[in-house]
Amino acid sequence: MKLGSLVKYSDKYTADPNGLIGVILEVEHDDGFASLPYRVRWIDHTISQRDWYAMDELILLGDQNESR
């Protein structure tokens, strides 16, 4: 996953069948962020939602070419 990738929050963590859809705003490569390197902004983001997520919490959407 990279900056600008469209993602969905993993369904195994939520009962919402539509899930949360968002875009990756930042990918942190610093060791301090190793467990939660992806900053995501959800379409309907609220102040009570966290910003940083692990790879196993996100599902890459669409036919996005990761080599670009």
C-alpha atoms as a PDB file:
ATOM      1  CA  MET A   1       0.000   0.000   0.000  1.00  0.00           C
ATOM      2  CA  LYS A   2       1.140   3.508  -0.735  1.00  0.00           C
ATOM      3  CA  LEU A   3       0.162   7.145  -0.433  1.00  0.00           C
ATOM      4  CA  GLY A   4      -3.193   7.699  -2.137  1.00  0.00           C
ATOM      5  CA  SER A   5      -4.275   4.042  -2.093  1.00  0.00           C
ATOM      6  CA  LEU A   6      -7.986   3.448  -1.576  1.00  0.00           C
ATOM      7  CA  VAL A   7      -8.574   1.071   1.344  1.00  0.00           C
ATOM      8  CA  LYS A   8     -11.357  -0.538   3.339  1.00  0.00           C
ATOM      9  CA  TYR A   9     -11.242  -1.311   7.050  1.00  0.00           C
ATOM     10  CA  SER A  10     -10.981  -5.075   7.501  1.00  0.00           C
ATOM     11  CA  ASP A  11     -14.426  -6.664   8.028  1.00  0.00           C
ATOM     12  CA  LYS A  12     -13.075  -8.998  10.695  1.00  0.00           C
ATOM     13  CA  TYR A  13     -12.968  -6.002  13.053  1.00  0.00           C
ATOM     14  CA  THR A  14     -16.420  -4.540  12.369  1.00  0.00           C
ATOM     15  CA  ALA A  15     -19.986  -5.767  11.921  1.00  0.00           C
ATOM     16  CA  ASP A  16     -20.741  -3.112   9.251  1.00  0.00           C
ATOM     17  CA  PRO A  17     -21.172  -4.992   5.925  1.00  0.00           C
ATOM     18  CA  ASN A  18     -20.141  -1.902   3.933  1.00  0.00           C
ATOM     19  CA  GLY A  19     -17.147  -1.174   6.130  1.00  0.00           C
ATOM     20  CA  LEU A  20     -15.203   2.044   6.224  1.00  0.00           C
ATOM     21  CA  ILE A  21     -13.682   3.302   2.957  1.00  0.00           C
ATOM     22  CA  GLY A  22     -10.771   5.720   2.987  1.00  0.00           C
ATOM     23  CA  VAL A  23      -7.524   6.880   1.454  1.00  0.00           C
ATOM     24  CA  ILE A  24      -3.983   6.495   2.777  1.00  0.00           C
ATOM     25  CA  LEU A  25      -2.704   9.979   3.616  1.00  0.00           C
ATOM     26  CA  GLU A  26       0.726   9.032   4.918  1.00  0.00           C
ATOM     27  CA  VAL A  27       3.021   6.023   5.184  1.00  0.00           C
ATOM     28  CA  GLU A  28       5.496   6.315   8.036  1.00  0.00           C
ATOM     29  CA  HIS A  29       8.776   4.424   7.683  1.00  0.00           C
ATOM     30  CA  ASP A  30      10.180   5.447  11.084  1.00  0.00           C
ATOM     31  CA  ASP A  31      10.785   2.501  13.470  1.00  0.00           C
ATOM     32  CA  GLY A  32       8.567   4.184  16.052  1.00  0.00           C
ATOM     33  CA  PHE A  33       5.588   3.680  13.745  1.00  0.00           C
ATOM     34  CA  ALA A  34       6.446   0.104  12.758  1.00  0.00           C
ATOM     35  CA  SER A  35       3.234  -1.406  14.160  1.00  0.00           C
ATOM     36  CA  LEU A  36       0.843   1.253  12.737  1.00  0.00           C
ATOM     37  CA  PRO A  37       2.519   2.802   9.674  1.00  0.00           C
ATOM     38  CA  TYR A  38      -0.574   3.824   7.654  1.00  0.00           C
ATOM     39  CA  ARG A  39      -2.420   7.086   8.277  1.00  0.00           C
ATOM     40  CA  VAL A  40      -5.932   6.799   6.837  1.00  0.00           C
ATOM     41  CA  ARG A  41      -8.704   9.339   6.367  1.00  0.00           C
ATOM     42  CA  TRP A  42     -12.119   7.692   6.121  1.00  0.00           C
ATOM     43  CA  ILE A  43     -14.891   9.094   3.895  1.00  0.00           C
ATOM     44  CA  ASP A  44     -17.005   9.791   6.974  1.00  0.00           C
ATOM     45  CA  HIS A  45     -14.110  10.270   9.412  1.00  0.00           C
ATOM     46  CA  THR A  46     -15.066  11.457  12.886  1.00  0.00           C
ATOM     47  CA  ILE A  47     -12.895  12.984  15.586  1.00  0.00           C
ATOM     48  CA  SER A  48     -13.302   9.862  17.728  1.00  0.00           C
ATOM     49  CA  GLN A  49     -11.659   7.597  15.105  1.00  0.00           C
ATOM     50  CA  ARG A  50      -7.951   6.983  15.217  1.00  0.00           C
ATOM     51  CA  ASP A  51      -5.737   7.889  12.249  1.00  0.00           C
ATOM     52  CA  TRP A  52      -3.005   5.214  12.228  1.00  0.00           C
ATOM     53  CA  TYR A  53      -3.539   1.573  11.200  1.00  0.00           C
ATOM     54  CA  ALA A  54      -1.616  -1.678  10.674  1.00  0.00           C
ATOM     55  CA  MET A  55      -1.480  -3.460   7.323  1.00  0.00           C
ATOM     56  CA  ASP A  56      -3.634  -6.360   8.580  1.00  0.00           C
ATOM     57  CA  GLU A  57      -6.438  -3.903   9.437  1.00  0.00           C
ATOM     58  CA  LEU A  58      -6.692  -2.609   5.862  1.00  0.00           C
ATOM     59  CA  ILE A  59      -7.857  -4.116   2.566  1.00  0.00           C
ATOM     60  CA  LEU A  60      -6.574  -2.558  -0.655  1.00  0.00           C
ATOM     61  CA  LEU A  61      -9.479  -1.702  -2.973  1.00  0.00           C
ATOM     62  CA  GLY A  62      -9.704  -1.577  -6.736  1.00  0.00           C
ATOM     63  CA  ASP A  63      -7.235  -2.551  -9.406  1.00  0.00           C
ATOM     64  CA  GLN A  64      -4.414  -0.325  -8.188  1.00  0.00           C
ATOM     65  CA  ASN A  65      -0.967  -0.852  -9.622  1.00  0.00           C
ATOM     66  CA  GLU A  66       1.383  -0.919  -6.608  1.00  0.00           C
ATOM     67  CA  SER A  67       4.502  -0.525  -8.786  1.00  0.00           C
ATOM     68  CA  ARG A  68       3.557   3.025  -9.859  1.00  0.00           C
END
